[in-house]
Amino acid sequence: MSPLNHDRPVKPFSFSPERRGGWGVRSIWLSAVGLIAIVLLCGCGGRDTIAGPTPQATAQAFVDAMKAGEYDTVAAGFDYETYARANNEDWDSIPSGQQTQIFHKLQEEKAQELQALAGMFAGEASVGQVQEQGTSASAIINAGANALTLRMTQAEGEWRVSSVIEQAG
């Protein structure tokens, strides 16, 4: 004997909004809209990098994050890909998962290096002269009695820090 009951008519599955107790098209649509709204709201929590749309914005975000002691945020705004390509001729043959691990390690090390500059940002700090030339830029950061040069490169619409150079006083 078959487990199927052939005596009872089979109703076709319907996506009709009137269908009670099931997933109608309207229910699916409303669920999708709700999920998208949740994702968008959660994504609006703020940036986790200083990389900005202009060199001035990136330099100001650098100063603000350093003053706040957000070294991971500052480190996330560095251009690790250019650094990695310059220091490893086989960069493109490295699997993307391993590249990501390398980026994370470089970012952790950079955050520790930046923490060593914390004392400079204990008082007044401001962005001085910003110069942009093509996809390269530099900004003078005045931090107390010290000055730093922030070198930046543009990639994919963002200005990322390529180096921080402490000026001799």
N, C-alpha and C. Protein backbone atom coordinates (compact mmCIF):
# COMPACT_ATOMS: atom_id res chain seq x y z
N MET A 1 0.83 -1.17 0.00
CA MET A 1 0.00 0.00 0.00
C MET A 1 0.88 1.24 0.00
N SER A 2 0.53 2.20 -0.79
CA SER A 2 1.29 3.43 -0.96
C SER A 2 0.98 4.40 0.17
N PRO A 3 2.01 5.17 0.66
CA PRO A 3 1.76 6.13 1.72
C PRO A 3 0.94 7.34 1.24
N LEU A 4 0.82 7.51 -0.07
CA LEU A 4 0.05 8.63 -0.60
C LEU A 4 -1.43 8.30 -0.58
N ASN A 5 -2.25 9.25 -0.26
CA ASN A 5 -3.69 9.07 -0.26
C ASN A 5 -4.22 9.56 -1.60
N HIS A 6 -4.51 8.63 -2.50
CA HIS A 6 -4.93 8.99 -3.84
C HIS A 6 -6.40 9.38 -3.89
N ASP A 7 -7.14 9.18 -2.81
CA ASP A 7 -8.57 9.48 -2.82
C ASP A 7 -8.84 10.97 -2.62
N ARG A 8 -7.88 11.71 -2.04
CA ARG A 8 -8.09 13.11 -1.75
C ARG A 8 -7.50 13.96 -2.88
N PRO A 9 -8.24 14.96 -3.39
CA PRO A 9 -7.69 15.79 -4.47
C PRO A 9 -6.53 16.65 -3.96
N VAL A 10 -5.54 16.85 -4.79
CA VAL A 10 -4.36 17.64 -4.45
C VAL A 10 -4.59 19.08 -4.90
N LYS A 11 -4.43 20.02 -3.97
CA LYS A 11 -4.58 21.43 -4.31
C LYS A 11 -3.23 21.96 -4.77
N PRO A 12 -3.23 22.71 -5.87
CA PRO A 12 -1.95 23.29 -6.31
C PRO A 12 -1.49 24.36 -5.32
N PHE A 13 -0.15 24.48 -5.18
CA PHE A 13 0.42 25.50 -4.29
C PHE A 13 0.15 26.86 -4.91
N SER A 14 -0.24 27.81 -4.11
CA SER A 14 -0.59 29.13 -4.62
C SER A 14 0.20 30.20 -3.88
N PHE A 15 0.61 31.21 -4.62
CA PHE A 15 1.25 32.38 -4.02
C PHE A 15 0.24 33.50 -3.82
N SER A 16 -1.00 33.20 -3.87
CA SER A 16 -2.06 34.18 -3.74
C SER A 16 -2.02 34.86 -2.39
N PRO A 17 -2.16 36.22 -2.34
CA PRO A 17 -2.15 36.93 -1.06
C PRO A 17 -3.33 36.54 -0.18
N GLU A 18 -4.38 36.03 -0.79
CA GLU A 18 -5.55 35.65 -0.01
C GLU A 18 -5.36 34.31 0.71
N ARG A 19 -4.38 33.56 0.32
CA ARG A 19 -4.15 32.23 0.90
C ARG A 19 -3.82 32.39 2.38
N ARG A 20 -4.60 31.82 3.25
CA ARG A 20 -4.40 31.97 4.69
C ARG A 20 -3.46 30.88 5.21
N GLY A 21 -2.61 31.27 6.14
CA GLY A 21 -1.73 30.30 6.78
C GLY A 21 -0.53 29.95 5.94
N GLY A 22 -0.32 30.57 4.81
CA GLY A 22 0.83 30.27 3.95
C GLY A 22 1.62 31.52 3.65
N TRP A 23 2.59 31.37 2.79
CA TRP A 23 3.44 32.49 2.41
C TRP A 23 2.94 33.05 1.09
N GLY A 24 2.10 34.03 1.13
CA GLY A 24 1.62 34.68 -0.07
C GLY A 24 2.68 35.62 -0.61
N VAL A 25 2.47 36.10 -1.83
CA VAL A 25 3.42 37.01 -2.45
C VAL A 25 3.55 38.28 -1.61
N ARG A 26 2.43 38.76 -1.10
CA ARG A 26 2.47 39.97 -0.27
C ARG A 26 3.30 39.73 0.98
N SER A 27 3.15 38.59 1.61
CA SER A 27 3.92 38.27 2.82
C SER A 27 5.40 38.19 2.52
N ILE A 28 5.75 37.56 1.42
CA ILE A 28 7.16 37.44 1.03
C ILE A 28 7.72 38.82 0.74
N TRP A 29 6.95 39.63 0.02
CA TRP A 29 7.40 40.97 -0.33
C TRP A 29 7.60 41.81 0.92
N LEU A 30 6.65 41.78 1.85
CA LEU A 30 6.77 42.55 3.08
C LEU A 30 7.94 42.06 3.93
N SER A 31 8.15 40.75 3.96
CA SER A 31 9.29 40.21 4.70
C SER A 31 10.60 40.69 4.09
N ALA A 32 10.68 40.69 2.76
CA ALA A 32 11.90 41.14 2.09
C ALA A 32 12.15 42.61 2.36
N VAL A 33 11.11 43.44 2.29
CA VAL A 33 11.26 44.87 2.56
C VAL A 33 11.73 45.08 4.00
N GLY A 34 11.14 44.33 4.94
CA GLY A 34 11.54 44.43 6.34
C GLY A 34 13.00 44.05 6.54
N LEU A 35 13.44 42.97 5.90
CA LEU A 35 14.82 42.52 6.02
C LEU A 35 15.78 43.56 5.45
N ILE A 36 15.44 44.13 4.31
CA ILE A 36 16.28 45.16 3.70
C ILE A 36 16.38 46.37 4.63
N ALA A 37 15.26 46.76 5.22
CA ALA A 37 15.27 47.91 6.15
C ALA A 37 16.18 47.64 7.34
N ILE A 38 16.13 46.42 7.89
CA ILE A 38 16.98 46.07 9.03
C ILE A 38 18.45 46.13 8.64
N VAL A 39 18.79 45.57 7.47
CA VAL A 39 20.17 45.58 7.00
C VAL A 39 20.66 47.01 6.81
N LEU A 40 19.83 47.86 6.20
CA LEU A 40 20.23 49.25 5.98
C LEU A 40 20.41 50.00 7.29
N LEU A 41 19.52 49.79 8.23
CA LEU A 41 19.63 50.47 9.52
C LEU A 41 20.86 50.02 10.28
N CYS A 42 21.16 48.75 10.24
CA CYS A 42 22.36 48.24 10.93
C CYS A 42 23.63 48.73 10.27
N GLY A 43 23.58 48.96 8.98
CA GLY A 43 24.77 49.41 8.25
C GLY A 43 25.06 50.87 8.42
N CYS A 44 24.18 51.62 9.09
CA CYS A 44 24.36 53.07 9.23
C CYS A 44 25.07 53.44 10.51
N GLY A 45 25.74 52.50 11.14
CA GLY A 45 26.33 52.75 12.44
C GLY A 45 27.59 53.57 12.42
N GLY A 46 28.10 53.94 11.29
CA GLY A 46 29.32 54.72 11.25
C GLY A 46 30.42 53.96 10.53
N ARG A 47 31.39 54.70 10.08
CA ARG A 47 32.46 54.09 9.30
C ARG A 47 33.52 53.51 10.22
N ASP A 48 34.16 52.48 9.77
CA ASP A 48 35.22 51.87 10.56
C ASP A 48 36.57 52.11 9.91
N THR A 49 36.65 53.18 9.13
CA THR A 49 37.89 53.56 8.46
C THR A 49 37.94 55.08 8.32
N ILE A 50 39.12 55.60 8.14
CA ILE A 50 39.26 57.04 7.92
C ILE A 50 39.30 57.38 6.45
N ALA A 51 39.37 56.37 5.57
CA ALA A 51 39.43 56.62 4.13
C ALA A 51 38.21 57.46 3.73
N GLY A 52 38.46 58.55 3.03
CA GLY A 52 37.38 59.45 2.69
C GLY A 52 37.34 59.80 1.22
N PRO A 53 36.35 60.60 0.81
CA PRO A 53 36.18 60.96 -0.59
C PRO A 53 37.17 62.01 -1.09
N THR A 54 37.83 62.71 -0.17
CA THR A 54 38.82 63.73 -0.54
C THR A 54 40.04 63.59 0.38
N PRO A 55 41.20 64.10 -0.04
CA PRO A 55 42.36 64.07 0.85
C PRO A 55 42.10 64.85 2.14
N GLN A 56 41.42 65.98 2.04
CA GLN A 56 41.09 66.79 3.23
C GLN A 56 40.24 65.99 4.20
N ALA A 57 39.24 65.28 3.69
CA ALA A 57 38.36 64.48 4.55
C ALA A 57 39.13 63.35 5.23
N THR A 58 40.02 62.71 4.50
CA THR A 58 40.82 61.62 5.07
C THR A 58 41.76 62.17 6.14
N ALA A 59 42.40 63.30 5.87
CA ALA A 59 43.32 63.90 6.84
C ALA A 59 42.57 64.31 8.11
N GLN A 60 41.39 64.91 7.96
CA GLN A 60 40.61 65.33 9.13
C GLN A 60 40.14 64.11 9.93
N ALA A 61 39.73 63.06 9.22
CA ALA A 61 39.31 61.83 9.90
C ALA A 61 40.49 61.20 10.64
N PHE A 62 41.70 61.30 10.07
CA PHE A 62 42.91 60.81 10.72
C PHE A 62 43.11 61.53 12.05
N VAL A 63 43.05 62.86 12.02
CA VAL A 63 43.24 63.66 13.24
C VAL A 63 42.17 63.32 14.27
N ASP A 64 40.91 63.29 13.85
CA ASP A 64 39.80 63.03 14.78
C ASP A 64 39.93 61.65 15.43
N ALA A 65 40.25 60.64 14.63
CA ALA A 65 40.37 59.27 15.16
C ALA A 65 41.59 59.12 16.06
N MET A 66 42.70 59.77 15.72
CA MET A 66 43.89 59.70 16.57
C MET A 66 43.62 60.38 17.90
N LYS A 67 42.95 61.53 17.89
CA LYS A 67 42.62 62.23 19.14
C LYS A 67 41.70 61.37 20.01
N ALA A 68 40.83 60.58 19.37
CA ALA A 68 39.89 59.73 20.10
C ALA A 68 40.51 58.39 20.52
N GLY A 69 41.75 58.13 20.08
CA GLY A 69 42.41 56.88 20.42
C GLY A 69 41.87 55.69 19.64
N GLU A 70 41.29 55.94 18.48
CA GLU A 70 40.71 54.88 17.64
C GLU A 70 41.75 54.41 16.61
N TYR A 71 42.75 53.73 17.10
CA TYR A 71 43.89 53.34 16.25
C TYR A 71 43.51 52.28 15.22
N ASP A 72 42.57 51.40 15.56
CA ASP A 72 42.11 50.39 14.59
C ASP A 72 41.40 51.07 13.42
N THR A 73 40.63 52.11 13.72
CA THR A 73 39.93 52.85 12.67
C THR A 73 40.92 53.55 11.76
N VAL A 74 41.94 54.16 12.36
CA VAL A 74 42.98 54.81 11.56
C VAL A 74 43.70 53.77 10.71
N ALA A 75 44.09 52.66 11.32
CA ALA A 75 44.82 51.61 10.61
C ALA A 75 44.01 51.04 9.45
N ALA A 76 42.69 51.02 9.58
CA ALA A 76 41.83 50.50 8.50
C ALA A 76 41.83 51.42 7.29
N GLY A 77 42.32 52.65 7.45
CA GLY A 77 42.35 53.60 6.34
C GLY A 77 43.64 53.61 5.56
N PHE A 78 44.52 52.66 5.81
CA PHE A 78 45.79 52.59 5.08
C PHE A 78 45.65 51.75 3.82
N ASP A 79 46.50 52.02 2.85
CA ASP A 79 46.48 51.32 1.56
C ASP A 79 47.43 50.12 1.62
N TYR A 80 46.94 49.01 2.13
CA TYR A 80 47.78 47.82 2.28
C TYR A 80 47.99 47.08 0.97
N GLU A 81 47.07 47.21 0.05
CA GLU A 81 47.23 46.50 -1.22
C GLU A 81 48.43 47.02 -2.00
N THR A 82 48.57 48.33 -2.09
CA THR A 82 49.73 48.90 -2.79
C THR A 82 51.02 48.47 -2.11
N TYR A 83 51.03 48.50 -0.78
CA TYR A 83 52.20 48.07 -0.01
C TYR A 83 52.52 46.60 -0.31
N ALA A 84 51.48 45.76 -0.28
CA ALA A 84 51.69 44.32 -0.50
C ALA A 84 52.20 44.04 -1.92
N ARG A 85 51.66 44.73 -2.90
CA ARG A 85 52.11 44.53 -4.28
C ARG A 85 53.57 45.00 -4.46
N ALA A 86 53.94 46.08 -3.80
CA ALA A 86 55.30 46.60 -3.93
C ALA A 86 56.32 45.69 -3.25
N ASN A 87 55.88 44.95 -2.24
CA ASN A 87 56.80 44.10 -1.48
C ASN A 87 56.69 42.62 -1.80
N ASN A 88 55.85 42.25 -2.76
CA ASN A 88 55.71 40.84 -3.12
C ASN A 88 55.32 40.75 -4.59
N GLU A 89 56.29 40.38 -5.42
CA GLU A 89 56.04 40.31 -6.86
C GLU A 89 55.01 39.24 -7.23
N ASP A 90 54.78 38.26 -6.37
CA ASP A 90 53.82 37.20 -6.64
C ASP A 90 52.46 37.44 -5.97
N TRP A 91 52.17 38.69 -5.62
CA TRP A 91 50.96 39.02 -4.86
C TRP A 91 49.69 38.46 -5.52
N ASP A 92 49.58 38.59 -6.83
CA ASP A 92 48.37 38.14 -7.52
C ASP A 92 48.18 36.63 -7.50
N SER A 93 49.25 35.88 -7.24
CA SER A 93 49.12 34.42 -7.18
C SER A 93 48.73 33.92 -5.79
N ILE A 94 48.70 34.80 -4.82
CA ILE A 94 48.32 34.42 -3.45
C ILE A 94 46.79 34.35 -3.40
N PRO A 95 46.23 33.26 -2.86
CA PRO A 95 44.77 33.14 -2.77
C PRO A 95 44.16 34.31 -1.99
N SER A 96 42.97 34.73 -2.38
CA SER A 96 42.35 35.92 -1.78
C SER A 96 42.15 35.77 -0.27
N GLY A 97 41.85 34.57 0.21
CA GLY A 97 41.69 34.36 1.64
C GLY A 97 42.99 34.63 2.40
N GLN A 98 44.10 34.22 1.80
CA GLN A 98 45.40 34.46 2.42
C GLN A 98 45.76 35.95 2.33
N GLN A 99 45.40 36.61 1.22
CA GLN A 99 45.62 38.05 1.10
C GLN A 99 44.88 38.79 2.22
N THR A 100 43.64 38.38 2.47
CA THR A 100 42.84 39.01 3.52
C THR A 100 43.51 38.84 4.88
N GLN A 101 44.06 37.66 5.15
CA GLN A 101 44.76 37.42 6.40
C GLN A 101 45.98 38.33 6.52
N ILE A 102 46.69 38.51 5.42
CA ILE A 102 47.87 39.38 5.41
C ILE A 102 47.44 40.82 5.69
N PHE A 103 46.35 41.28 5.05
CA PHE A 103 45.85 42.63 5.29
C PHE A 103 45.51 42.83 6.76
N HIS A 104 44.83 41.84 7.37
CA HIS A 104 44.46 41.95 8.79
C HIS A 104 45.69 42.03 9.68
N LYS A 105 46.71 41.23 9.38
CA LYS A 105 47.94 41.25 10.16
C LYS A 105 48.65 42.61 10.02
N LEU A 106 48.72 43.13 8.79
CA LEU A 106 49.34 44.44 8.57
C LEU A 106 48.56 45.53 9.31
N GLN A 107 47.23 45.41 9.30
CA GLN A 107 46.40 46.40 9.97
C GLN A 107 46.61 46.37 11.49
N GLU A 108 46.73 45.17 12.07
CA GLU A 108 47.01 45.05 13.51
C GLU A 108 48.34 45.70 13.86
N GLU A 109 49.37 45.42 13.04
CA GLU A 109 50.69 45.99 13.29
C GLU A 109 50.66 47.52 13.16
N LYS A 110 49.91 48.03 12.16
CA LYS A 110 49.82 49.47 11.96
C LYS A 110 49.12 50.13 13.14
N ALA A 111 48.09 49.51 13.68
CA ALA A 111 47.37 50.07 14.84
C ALA A 111 48.32 50.21 16.03
N GLN A 112 49.20 49.23 16.22
CA GLN A 112 50.18 49.31 17.31
C GLN A 112 51.18 50.43 17.07
N GLU A 113 51.63 50.59 15.82
CA GLU A 113 52.56 51.67 15.49
C GLU A 113 51.92 53.04 15.75
N LEU A 114 50.64 53.16 15.37
CA LEU A 114 49.93 54.43 15.54
C LEU A 114 49.74 54.78 17.01
N GLN A 115 49.59 53.77 17.83
CA GLN A 115 49.41 53.99 19.26
C GLN A 115 50.65 54.68 19.85
N ALA A 116 51.80 54.43 19.25
CA ALA A 116 53.04 55.07 19.72
C ALA A 116 53.02 56.58 19.47
N LEU A 117 52.15 57.04 18.55
CA LEU A 117 52.04 58.48 18.26
C LEU A 117 51.00 59.17 19.13
N ALA A 118 50.36 58.42 20.02
CA ALA A 118 49.24 58.95 20.82
C ALA A 118 49.58 60.23 21.56
N GLY A 119 50.78 60.32 22.11
CA GLY A 119 51.17 61.50 22.88
C GLY A 119 51.10 62.79 22.07
N MET A 120 51.36 62.71 20.79
CA MET A 120 51.31 63.90 19.94
C MET A 120 49.90 64.45 19.84
N PHE A 121 48.91 63.59 20.00
CA PHE A 121 47.52 63.99 19.80
C PHE A 121 46.78 64.26 21.12
N ALA A 122 47.54 64.37 22.21
CA ALA A 122 46.93 64.62 23.52
C ALA A 122 46.41 66.06 23.62
N GLY A 123 47.06 66.96 22.89
CA GLY A 123 46.63 68.36 22.92
C GLY A 123 45.97 68.74 21.60
N GLU A 124 46.27 69.94 21.17
CA GLU A 124 45.72 70.43 19.91
C GLU A 124 46.33 69.70 18.72
N ALA A 125 45.50 69.39 17.76
CA ALA A 125 45.96 68.78 16.51
C ALA A 125 45.03 69.25 15.40
N SER A 126 45.64 69.55 14.26
CA SER A 126 44.82 70.07 13.16
C SER A 126 45.45 69.70 11.82
N VAL A 127 44.63 69.79 10.79
CA VAL A 127 45.10 69.55 9.43
C VAL A 127 45.61 70.88 8.89
N GLY A 128 46.83 70.86 8.38
CA GLY A 128 47.41 72.04 7.76
C GLY A 128 47.20 71.99 6.25
N GLN A 129 48.24 72.32 5.53
CA GLN A 129 48.19 72.38 4.07
C GLN A 129 47.96 70.99 3.47
N VAL A 130 47.03 70.92 2.51
CA VAL A 130 46.75 69.68 1.78
C VAL A 130 47.07 69.93 0.32
N GLN A 131 47.87 69.06 -0.28
CA GLN A 131 48.21 69.17 -1.70
C GLN A 131 47.79 67.90 -2.40
N GLU A 132 47.11 68.08 -3.53
CA GLU A 132 46.63 66.93 -4.32
C GLU A 132 47.21 67.03 -5.72
N GLN A 133 47.73 65.90 -6.21
CA GLN A 133 48.27 65.85 -7.57
C GLN A 133 47.89 64.51 -8.17
N GLY A 134 46.86 64.51 -9.00
CA GLY A 134 46.38 63.27 -9.61
C GLY A 134 45.81 62.34 -8.55
N THR A 135 46.37 61.13 -8.48
CA THR A 135 45.89 60.14 -7.49
C THR A 135 46.77 60.10 -6.25
N SER A 136 47.60 61.12 -6.07
CA SER A 136 48.44 61.23 -4.87
C SER A 136 48.14 62.54 -4.17
N ALA A 137 48.31 62.52 -2.86
CA ALA A 137 48.10 63.74 -2.07
C ALA A 137 48.95 63.67 -0.82
N SER A 138 49.14 64.83 -0.21
CA SER A 138 49.83 64.89 1.07
C SER A 138 49.16 65.96 1.91
N ALA A 139 49.24 65.78 3.21
CA ALA A 139 48.67 66.75 4.15
C ALA A 139 49.63 66.90 5.31
N ILE A 140 49.77 68.12 5.77
CA ILE A 140 50.56 68.39 6.97
C ILE A 140 49.61 68.30 8.15
N ILE A 141 49.99 67.51 9.14
CA ILE A 141 49.21 67.39 10.37
C ILE A 141 50.02 68.07 11.47
N ASN A 142 49.45 69.10 12.05
CA ASN A 142 50.09 69.81 13.15
C ASN A 142 49.55 69.22 14.45
N ALA A 143 50.42 68.59 15.21
CA ALA A 143 50.03 67.94 16.46
C ALA A 143 50.92 68.47 17.58
N GLY A 144 50.43 69.47 18.29
CA GLY A 144 51.24 70.08 19.33
C GLY A 144 52.47 70.73 18.72
N ALA A 145 53.63 70.43 19.27
CA ALA A 145 54.89 70.97 18.76
C ALA A 145 55.42 70.14 17.60
N ASN A 146 54.70 69.09 17.22
CA ASN A 146 55.15 68.17 16.18
C ASN A 146 54.37 68.38 14.89
N ALA A 147 54.98 67.92 13.80
CA ALA A 147 54.30 67.94 12.51
C ALA A 147 54.50 66.59 11.85
N LEU A 148 53.45 66.12 11.22
CA LEU A 148 53.49 64.87 10.47
C LEU A 148 53.09 65.16 9.03
N THR A 149 53.65 64.40 8.11
CA THR A 149 53.17 64.45 6.74
C THR A 149 52.41 63.16 6.48
N LEU A 150 51.19 63.33 6.06
CA LEU A 150 50.32 62.20 5.73
C LEU A 150 50.32 62.07 4.21
N ARG A 151 50.83 60.97 3.70
CA ARG A 151 50.81 60.74 2.25
C ARG A 151 49.62 59.82 1.95
N MET A 152 48.90 60.15 0.87
CA MET A 152 47.68 59.41 0.53
C MET A 152 47.65 59.06 -0.94
N THR A 153 46.92 57.99 -1.25
CA THR A 153 46.68 57.59 -2.63
C THR A 153 45.17 57.36 -2.81
N GLN A 154 44.72 57.61 -4.03
CA GLN A 154 43.31 57.41 -4.34
C GLN A 154 43.12 56.09 -5.06
N ALA A 155 42.16 55.32 -4.59
CA ALA A 155 41.82 54.05 -5.24
C ALA A 155 40.33 53.80 -5.00
N GLU A 156 39.64 53.46 -6.07
CA GLU A 156 38.23 53.12 -5.99
C GLU A 156 37.40 54.20 -5.30
N GLY A 157 37.70 55.46 -5.59
CA GLY A 157 36.92 56.57 -5.06
C GLY A 157 37.23 56.97 -3.63
N GLU A 158 38.22 56.35 -3.02
CA GLU A 158 38.59 56.68 -1.63
C GLU A 158 40.05 57.11 -1.58
N TRP A 159 40.32 58.01 -0.66
CA TRP A 159 41.70 58.40 -0.39
C TRP A 159 42.16 57.63 0.83
N ARG A 160 43.21 56.82 0.64
CA ARG A 160 43.77 56.00 1.71
C ARG A 160 45.17 56.49 2.05
N VAL A 161 45.56 56.29 3.29
CA VAL A 161 46.89 56.70 3.75
C VAL A 161 47.91 55.68 3.27
N SER A 162 48.99 56.18 2.68
CA SER A 162 50.07 55.28 2.27
C SER A 162 51.23 55.35 3.26
N SER A 163 51.41 56.50 3.90
CA SER A 163 52.46 56.59 4.92
C SER A 163 52.25 57.82 5.81
N VAL A 164 52.83 57.73 7.00
CA VAL A 164 52.84 58.84 7.96
C VAL A 164 54.31 59.11 8.27
N ILE A 165 54.76 60.32 8.01
CA ILE A 165 56.16 60.65 8.20
C ILE A 165 56.26 61.76 9.26
N GLU A 166 57.02 61.47 10.29
CA GLU A 166 57.22 62.47 11.35
C GLU A 166 58.29 63.45 10.86
N GLN A 167 57.96 64.74 10.93
CA GLN A 167 58.87 65.77 10.48
C GLN A 167 59.89 66.09 11.58
N ALA A 168 61.12 66.30 11.16
CA ALA A 168 62.17 66.66 12.12
C ALA A 168 61.89 68.07 12.62
N GLY A 169 61.98 68.23 13.94
CA GLY A 169 61.66 69.53 14.55
C GLY A 169 62.87 70.23 14.86
